[in-house]
Protein backbone atom coordinates (compact mmCIF):
# COMPACT_ATOMS: atom_id res chain seq x y z
CA MET A 1 -0.02 0.06 0.07
CA SER A 2 1.17 3.41 -0.96
CA ASP A 3 2.30 5.66 1.91
CA ILE A 4 0.83 8.68 0.09
CA ALA A 5 -2.66 9.19 0.49
CA ILE A 6 -3.09 12.15 -1.69
CA ARG A 7 -0.87 13.42 -4.85
CA VAL A 8 -1.57 16.59 -6.91
CA ASP A 9 0.35 17.64 -9.99
CA GLY A 10 -0.35 20.66 -11.48
CA LEU A 11 -4.10 20.79 -10.69
CA SER A 12 -6.23 23.97 -11.92
CA LYS A 13 -9.74 24.86 -12.01
CA ARG A 14 -11.02 27.78 -14.59
CA TYR A 15 -14.13 29.12 -14.58
CA ARG A 16 -15.90 31.29 -17.20
CA ILE A 17 -17.78 33.79 -15.76
CA GLY A 18 -21.40 34.81 -17.08
CA GLU A 19 -21.64 31.77 -19.33
CA ARG A 20 -23.66 28.55 -18.26
CA ALA A 21 -22.23 25.64 -17.13
CA GLU A 22 -21.52 23.04 -19.51
CA ARG A 23 -24.01 19.69 -18.63
CA TYR A 24 -22.01 16.76 -16.83
CA ARG A 25 -21.81 13.64 -18.86
CA THR A 26 -24.36 11.07 -17.73
CA LEU A 27 -23.52 7.19 -17.45
CA ARG A 28 -25.57 6.89 -20.76
CA ASP A 29 -23.45 9.43 -22.72
CA ALA A 30 -20.12 7.99 -21.69
CA VAL A 31 -21.24 4.27 -22.93
CA ALA A 32 -22.51 5.80 -25.97
CA SER A 33 -19.49 8.04 -27.16
CA THR A 34 -16.65 6.29 -28.48
CA ALA A 35 -14.07 8.75 -27.83
CA SER A 36 -12.26 8.79 -24.54
CA ALA A 37 -13.03 11.03 -21.86
CA PRO A 38 -10.78 13.94 -21.56
CA TRP A 39 -10.37 13.30 -17.96
CA ARG A 40 -11.37 10.53 -15.57
CA TRP A 41 -12.48 10.20 -12.03
CA ALA A 42 -10.94 7.43 -10.54
CA LYS A 43 -7.39 7.70 -9.11
CA SER A 44 -6.19 10.31 -11.62
CA VAL A 45 -7.12 13.08 -13.58
CA ARG A 46 -4.72 13.94 -16.83
CA LYS A 47 -3.11 17.08 -17.62
CA ARG A 48 -5.01 19.24 -20.24
CA HIS A 49 -3.32 22.46 -21.99
CA ARG A 50 -4.62 25.65 -21.47
CA ASN A 51 -6.25 27.09 -24.54
CA SER A 52 -3.96 29.88 -25.55
CA GLY A 53 -7.23 31.96 -27.08
CA GLU A 54 -8.55 32.54 -23.75
CA LYS A 55 -11.15 35.10 -22.98
CA ASP A 56 -10.77 38.08 -20.67
CA ASN A 57 -14.12 36.52 -18.69
CA THR A 58 -12.06 33.43 -17.22
CA VAL A 59 -11.35 33.16 -13.47
CA TRP A 60 -8.46 30.45 -12.48
CA ALA A 61 -9.77 29.05 -9.06
CA LEU A 62 -6.88 27.25 -8.97
CA LYS A 63 -3.53 27.53 -10.65
CA ASP A 64 -0.83 24.61 -11.16
CA ILE A 65 -0.80 23.50 -7.57
CA SER A 66 1.20 20.42 -6.66
CA PHE A 67 1.72 18.44 -3.45
CA GLU A 68 1.47 15.22 -1.62
CA ILE A 69 0.11 14.33 1.55
CA PRO A 70 1.40 11.10 3.48
CA ARG A 71 -1.02 8.68 5.15
CA GLY A 72 -1.86 9.49 8.51
CA ALA A 73 -1.37 13.36 8.25
CA VAL A 74 -4.01 15.81 9.19
CA VAL A 75 -3.84 18.74 7.16
CA GLY A 76 -5.33 22.62 7.57
CA VAL A 77 -5.98 24.05 4.43
CA ILE A 78 -6.03 27.92 4.99
CA GLY A 79 -6.31 30.89 3.26
CA ARG A 80 -8.60 34.12 2.68
CA ASN A 81 -11.81 33.61 1.05
CA GLY A 82 -11.42 32.88 -2.68
CA ALA A 83 -8.20 31.31 -2.18
CA GLY A 84 -9.33 28.10 -3.68
CA LYS A 85 -9.99 26.08 -0.54
CA SER A 86 -13.18 24.77 -1.56
CA THR A 87 -12.52 23.72 -4.90
CA LEU A 88 -9.49 21.94 -3.86
CA LEU A 89 -11.85 20.13 -1.71
CA LYS A 90 -14.56 19.58 -4.41
CA ILE A 91 -12.11 18.50 -7.12
CA LEU A 92 -10.57 15.91 -4.74
CA SER A 93 -14.19 14.82 -3.95
CA ARG A 94 -15.00 14.39 -7.21
CA ILE A 95 -17.74 16.79 -7.30
CA THR A 96 -16.02 19.48 -9.43
CA GLU A 97 -14.10 18.82 -12.75
CA PRO A 98 -10.83 20.05 -13.29
CA THR A 99 -9.59 21.96 -16.00
CA GLU A 100 -5.56 20.59 -15.65
CA GLY A 101 -3.61 18.53 -13.80
CA MET A 102 -3.83 15.31 -12.10
CA ALA A 103 -5.05 14.28 -8.49
CA GLU A 104 -4.50 10.75 -6.98
CA ILE A 105 -6.31 9.46 -3.99
CA HIS A 106 -5.35 6.23 -2.44
CA GLY A 107 -8.08 5.36 -0.34
CA ARG A 108 -11.95 5.74 0.75
CA VAL A 109 -13.21 9.15 0.82
CA GLY A 110 -15.77 10.57 3.18
CA THR A 111 -16.77 14.29 2.71
CA LEU A 112 -18.14 16.66 4.45
CA LEU A 113 -18.64 19.86 2.06
CA GLU A 114 -21.79 21.82 2.55
CA VAL A 115 -24.43 21.09 4.99
CA GLY A 116 -26.67 18.28 3.27
CA THR A 117 -24.07 17.54 0.88
CA GLY A 118 -24.59 13.76 -0.35
CA PHE A 119 -28.14 13.76 1.59
CA HIS A 120 -31.51 12.94 -0.27
CA LEU A 121 -33.88 15.34 1.29
CA GLU A 122 -36.87 13.09 0.62
CA LEU A 123 -35.38 10.30 2.20
CA THR A 124 -35.30 10.09 6.23
CA GLY A 125 -31.98 10.17 8.28
CA ARG A 126 -31.87 6.20 8.65
CA GLU A 127 -32.36 6.09 4.95
CA ASN A 128 -29.75 8.57 4.02
CA THR A 129 -27.13 6.71 6.65
CA TYR A 130 -27.29 3.37 4.75
CA LEU A 131 -27.16 5.12 1.62
CA ASN A 132 -23.93 7.31 2.07
CA GLY A 133 -22.50 3.94 3.86
CA ALA A 134 -23.51 2.10 0.39
CA ILE A 135 -21.56 4.78 -1.45
CA LEU A 136 -18.48 4.66 0.45
CA GLY A 137 -18.65 0.57 -0.36
CA MET A 138 -19.66 -0.52 3.09
CA LYS A 139 -21.69 -3.79 3.40
CA ARG A 140 -25.03 -3.24 5.60
CA ALA A 141 -23.74 -5.62 8.56
CA GLU A 142 -20.77 -2.86 8.52
CA ILE A 143 -23.38 0.38 8.63
CA ASP A 144 -25.50 -1.88 11.15
CA ARG A 145 -22.63 -2.08 13.66
CA LYS A 146 -21.87 1.65 13.51
CA PHE A 147 -25.66 3.01 13.20
CA ASP A 148 -26.16 3.11 17.06
CA GLU A 149 -22.89 5.57 17.52
CA ILE A 150 -23.81 7.91 14.19
CA ILE A 151 -27.22 8.52 15.68
CA ASP A 152 -25.70 9.12 19.39
CA PHE A 153 -23.33 11.24 18.43
CA ALA A 154 -25.70 13.54 16.07
CA GLY A 155 -28.35 13.23 18.87
CA THR A 156 -31.03 13.18 16.29
CA GLY A 157 -32.57 9.64 17.16
CA LYS A 158 -36.11 11.41 17.67
CA PHE A 159 -36.29 12.18 14.38
CA ILE A 160 -34.03 9.54 12.45
CA ASP A 161 -37.09 8.28 10.54
CA THR A 162 -38.21 11.71 9.43
CA PRO A 163 -37.34 12.85 5.77
CA VAL A 164 -34.28 14.84 6.21
CA LYS A 165 -36.11 18.30 4.02
CA HIS A 166 -37.71 18.50 7.79
CA TYR A 167 -34.19 18.89 9.62
CA SER A 168 -33.06 22.33 11.14
CA SER A 169 -29.64 23.43 9.16
CA GLY A 170 -27.80 22.04 12.92
CA MET A 171 -29.41 18.87 12.55
CA HIS A 172 -28.77 18.56 9.26
CA LEU A 173 -24.88 19.23 10.18
CA ARG A 174 -24.85 16.85 13.12
CA LEU A 175 -25.92 13.77 11.15
CA ALA A 176 -23.74 14.64 7.88
CA PHE A 177 -20.81 14.82 10.32
CA ALA A 178 -21.31 11.65 11.96
CA VAL A 179 -22.29 9.78 9.15
CA ALA A 180 -18.95 10.86 7.37
CA ALA A 181 -16.99 10.34 10.48
CA TYR A 182 -18.41 7.13 11.58
CA LEU A 183 -18.63 4.98 8.22
CA GLU A 184 -14.87 4.90 8.66
CA PRO A 185 -13.39 6.58 5.56
CA GLU A 186 -9.57 6.30 5.04
CA ILE A 187 -9.54 9.90 3.77
CA LEU A 188 -11.86 12.46 5.44
CA LEU A 189 -12.72 16.05 3.86
CA VAL A 190 -14.24 18.55 6.10
CA ASP A 191 -14.90 21.91 4.66
CA GLU A 192 -16.09 24.89 6.90
CA VAL A 193 -19.28 23.37 8.14
CA LEU A 194 -18.33 23.44 11.73
CA ALA A 195 -19.57 27.34 11.94
CA VAL A 196 -23.11 25.93 11.58
CA GLY A 197 -23.04 23.98 14.80
CA ASP A 198 -22.99 25.26 18.46
CA VAL A 199 -19.80 25.42 20.68
CA GLU A 200 -20.55 22.16 22.30
CA PHE A 201 -21.11 20.35 18.86
CA GLN A 202 -18.06 21.89 17.34
CA GLN A 203 -15.70 20.64 20.04
CA LYS A 204 -17.06 17.23 19.63
CA CYS A 205 -16.47 17.36 16.08
CA ILE A 206 -12.82 18.45 16.72
CA GLY A 207 -12.35 15.48 19.05
CA LYS A 208 -13.76 12.89 16.67
CA MET A 209 -11.59 14.12 13.84
CA SER A 210 -8.69 13.94 16.55
CA ASP A 211 -9.68 10.31 17.23
CA ILE A 212 -9.84 9.84 13.53
CA ALA A 213 -6.47 10.90 12.93
CA ALA A 214 -5.17 9.26 15.84
CA GLY A 215 -6.35 5.73 14.16
CA GLY A 216 -3.94 6.57 11.41
CA ARG A 217 -6.35 7.98 8.69
CA THR A 218 -5.92 11.09 6.64
CA VAL A 219 -7.82 14.59 7.36
CA LEU A 220 -7.89 17.61 5.07
CA PHE A 221 -9.56 20.63 7.04
CA VAL A 222 -10.69 23.64 5.75
CA SER A 223 -11.49 26.26 8.42
CA HIS A 224 -11.07 29.85 8.87
CA ASN A 225 -11.02 28.91 12.75
CA LEU A 226 -7.25 28.91 13.05
CA ALA A 227 -7.63 28.11 16.73
CA ALA A 228 -9.47 24.71 15.86
CA VAL A 229 -7.20 23.99 12.91
CA LYS A 230 -3.68 24.68 15.31
CA GLU A 231 -5.21 22.28 17.79
CA LEU A 232 -6.30 19.53 15.31
CA CYS A 233 -3.93 19.70 12.72
CA ASN A 234 0.06 19.04 12.37
CA THR A 235 0.77 20.33 9.15
CA GLY A 236 -0.82 22.89 6.59
CA ILE A 237 -1.19 24.19 3.15
CA LEU A 238 -1.76 27.89 2.41
CA LEU A 239 -3.36 28.90 -0.84
CA SER A 240 -3.72 32.54 -2.18
CA HIS A 241 -5.53 33.67 -5.25
CA GLY A 242 -5.55 29.81 -6.26
CA GLU A 243 -1.73 29.48 -5.66
CA LEU A 244 -0.13 27.04 -3.26
CA VAL A 245 1.78 29.46 -1.20
CA HIS A 246 3.48 27.22 1.60
CA GLN A 247 2.90 23.50 2.93
CA GLY A 248 4.75 22.60 5.93
CA LYS A 249 4.14 22.46 9.77
CA ILE A 250 0.90 23.87 11.09
CA SER A 251 2.73 26.52 13.30
CA ASP A 252 4.69 27.80 10.28
CA THR A 253 1.74 27.94 7.80
CA LEU A 254 -0.18 29.83 10.58
CA THR A 255 2.77 32.33 11.14
CA LYS A 256 2.77 32.78 6.98
CA TYR A 257 -0.89 33.48 6.60
CA GLY A 258 -0.91 36.07 9.55
CA GLU A 259 2.24 37.72 7.62
CA SER A 260 -0.26 37.63 4.90
CA LEU A 261 -3.04 39.31 6.80
CA TYR A 262 -1.37 41.67 8.44
CA THR A 263 0.90 43.12 5.45
CA GLY A 264 -0.66 46.14 3.90
CA SER A 265 -4.16 44.87 5.28
CA ALA A 266 -4.83 47.45 8.27
CA GLU A 267 -7.87 49.49 8.32
CA GLU A 268 -6.92 52.64 5.84
CA ALA A 269 -6.46 56.03 8.18
CA PRO A 270 -8.24 58.98 6.76
CA ARG A 271 -6.37 60.93 4.16
CA ASN A 272 -5.99 64.03 6.18
CA GLY A 273 -4.04 62.67 8.80
CA GLN A 274 -1.89 59.28 9.48
CA TRP A 275 0.55 57.66 11.41
CA ARG A 276 3.90 58.13 9.33
CA GLN A 277 5.96 55.62 11.12
CA ILE A 278 5.99 53.20 14.09
CA GLU A 279 9.33 52.33 15.53
CA ILE A 280 9.98 49.40 18.03
CA ASN A 281 12.76 49.64 20.33
CA GLY A 282 14.16 52.19 17.91
CA GLN A 283 14.05 50.14 14.80
CA SER A 284 11.92 51.26 12.68
CA GLN A 285 9.18 49.42 10.46
CA SER A 286 11.04 48.91 7.36
CA THR A 287 13.53 46.60 9.08
CA GLN A 288 13.05 43.29 10.11
CA VAL A 289 12.15 44.11 13.79
CA GLU A 290 13.53 41.45 16.42
CA VAL A 291 13.14 41.64 20.26
CA SER A 292 13.99 39.40 22.66
CA GLY A 293 11.37 37.91 25.11
CA GLY A 294 10.89 39.30 28.63
CA GLN A 295 12.60 42.25 27.75
CA PRO A 296 11.26 45.79 27.72
CA LEU A 297 9.59 47.31 24.69
CA ALA A 298 9.31 50.85 23.79
CA ILE A 299 6.82 51.46 20.46
CA THR A 300 7.03 55.02 19.38
CA GLY A 301 4.62 56.23 16.47
CA TYR A 302 4.74 59.31 14.57
CA LEU A 303 1.40 61.08 13.89
CA ASP A 304 0.61 63.59 11.41
CA CYS A 305 -2.61 65.30 13.25
CA PRO A 306 -4.26 68.36 11.81
CA ALA A 307 -5.18 71.19 14.52
CA GLY A 308 -8.80 71.33 15.02
CA LYS A 309 -9.14 67.62 15.49
CA GLU A 310 -10.73 65.87 18.25
CA PHE A 311 -9.54 62.73 19.80
CA THR A 312 -10.88 61.14 23.25
CA ARG A 313 -9.01 57.81 23.61
CA LEU A 314 -5.53 56.18 22.14
CA PHE A 315 -5.07 52.33 22.09
CA LEU A 316 -2.21 50.22 21.41
CA ILE A 317 -3.27 46.33 20.34
CA ILE A 318 -0.71 43.57 19.97
CA GLU A 319 -1.73 40.49 18.09
CA ASP A 320 -0.40 36.98 17.55
CA SER A 321 -0.43 35.18 13.96
CA LEU A 322 -4.19 34.18 14.57
CA GLY A 323 -5.21 37.36 15.07
CA ASN A 324 -6.13 37.07 19.01
CA THR A 325 -5.49 40.05 20.67
CA LEU A 326 -2.99 39.49 23.27
CA VAL A 327 -2.35 43.31 24.35
CA HIS A 328 -4.89 45.97 24.40
CA ARG A 329 -4.02 49.13 26.16
CA ARG A 330 -5.55 52.32 26.66
CA THR A 331 -5.23 55.87 27.77
CA GLU A 332 -7.26 59.17 27.37
CA PHE A 333 -5.66 61.39 25.10
CA ASP A 334 -6.45 64.78 27.10
CA VAL A 335 -4.26 63.18 29.83
CA LEU A 336 -1.41 61.95 27.13
CA LEU A 337 -1.16 65.82 26.06
CA ASN A 338 -0.77 67.34 29.25
CA GLY A 339 1.78 69.99 29.08
CA ILE A 340 1.90 69.92 25.38
CA GLY A 341 -1.14 71.63 24.43
CA HIS A 342 -4.13 70.51 22.52
CA SER A 343 -4.26 69.34 19.14
CA PRO A 344 -0.46 69.56 17.95
CA GLU A 345 0.05 68.87 14.19
CA ARG A 346 2.89 66.42 14.73
CA LEU A 347 3.11 64.05 17.71
CA ALA A 348 6.00 61.34 18.69
CA ILE A 349 3.74 59.04 20.72
CA THR A 350 5.60 56.37 23.15
CA ALA A 351 4.26 53.42 24.82
CA ARG A 352 6.61 51.29 27.12
CA LEU A 353 6.01 47.92 28.51
CA PRO A 354 8.31 46.83 31.34
CA ALA A 355 8.43 43.25 29.78
CA LEU A 356 6.97 41.45 26.84
CA TRP A 357 6.41 37.86 27.89
CA LEU A 358 5.61 36.46 24.57
CA ALA A 359 6.61 33.15 23.31
CA PRO A 360 9.07 33.25 20.60
CA SER A 361 6.70 33.43 17.14
CA VAL A 362 5.69 36.57 14.86
CA TYR A 363 3.49 39.05 16.10
CA SER A 364 1.99 42.59 14.89
CA LEU A 365 1.27 45.91 16.68
CA HIS A 366 -0.88 48.59 15.76
CA PHE A 367 -2.07 52.13 17.31
CA LYS A 368 -5.37 53.38 17.05
CA LEU A 369 -6.83 56.82 17.57
CA LEU A 370 -10.39 57.52 18.16
CA GLY A 371 -12.63 60.83 18.52
CA PRO A 372 -16.21 61.75 18.14
CA ALA A 373 -15.87 62.12 14.39
CA GLU A 374 -12.36 60.74 13.68
CA ARG A 375 -10.64 57.52 13.81
CA TYR A 376 -6.80 57.29 12.43
CA VAL A 377 -5.53 53.67 12.61
CA SER A 378 -2.34 52.83 12.11
CA ASP A 379 -0.38 50.14 9.53
CA ARG A 380 0.12 46.66 11.34
CA VAL A 381 3.57 46.41 12.00
CA LEU A 382 5.17 42.73 12.30
CA PHE A 383 7.66 42.14 14.74
CA GLN A 384 9.69 38.61 15.83
CA VAL A 385 9.93 37.82 19.27
CA SER A 386 13.26 35.46 19.75
CA GLY A 387 14.53 33.32 22.76
CA ALA A 388 14.39 29.97 23.78
CA SER A 389 11.06 27.88 23.07
CA ALA A 390 11.61 24.81 25.08
CA GLY A 391 9.33 24.10 27.34
CA LEU A 392 6.65 26.23 25.99
CA GLY A 393 4.04 23.82 24.61
CA ARG A 394 1.49 25.64 23.04
CA SER A 395 1.91 28.64 25.27
CA LEU A 396 1.47 31.96 23.54
CA LEU A 397 2.87 33.45 27.22
CA SER A 398 6.65 32.99 28.11
CA PRO A 399 6.66 34.36 31.80
CA GLU A 400 9.91 33.67 33.98
CA CYS A 401 8.85 30.62 36.13
CA SER A 402 10.72 29.00 39.11
CA TRP A 403 10.42 24.95 39.60
CA ARG A 404 10.88 23.30 43.11
CA ALA A 405 9.90 19.79 44.50
CA GLU A 406 10.20 18.65 47.97
CA LYS A 407 8.98 15.99 50.16
CA CYS A 408 5.89 16.65 51.88
């Protein structure tokens, strides 16, 4: 048996804007046709060459991406909206036809791409469970053994013989996930669907996917919940505008994603005033700013502030690569200006932190100045915290810690 669960080579998907999609070939079409199909659903999809006469009304959802996923890997697929994440999973699930490239899948695939995917609305929950099992190639006896666990996990026992068209979106999701997870696929593809369920059910799903991964099966998890991705996955794939940007350890992938979010993505300050520059410990934002964990931090922002503008509060905000706010300090602007005079045209504002107990990683910071009618937000500035990471585990903070043991 191959050690590779999924192999993708030169995979691309093109959509034509404003044109009706081509009708999918039916089994009768395939049998009647004497010409070979331009691609095939089974193990691989053969590459086709791009048409040199493409029109401008085309969009490439995926562009020539290639990667391999070993058996038993738990992979988080992340990226902004429109990056091509869902398109990739639909191709791997053989729901969508690729335009170019090859996708090789070794193993039985279970998918949860959208609420209700694979369910027939007129059939009951029980009938859909057996139907999905049969599609996965399971015998009825195998489904019988798993049935009670599926219903117990989904919590839909009272409605199991009701047509699923009468289910709420939450009930639909719970049953769909339970069917996908418990019918023992060798490869589980999960798109951003857990957001439909409540927090308790999301945690159950993450726990179940962890169990699946611990059993040596392969999981591809698409989600904007980066905390869940970090908790569940050991490797990651970062997509941007249909292209593969990074593949590697999940921590590195999340850091790359965080950097892409922060670079040039801060809220735009009004044109009549702006933060000109931010320095961290005397280093300007134009350089690679690096600070040592546990050391004092001085952040200086240079602000053009036309006379006559009123401001009330100033904030310093530090975030991690997942967008979690770690530091949120505030001062009253009038107090800050004591002894300077109100509404100066230019200011150098410095915030000092006696110690920054952050674990080694990449972070961002920015200033936010608010008034009754004005809102000046600085660019986000990235900085690297250096230092030994041994013993930190998954901690975000790295305070000094002394240890002691004694007999008692």
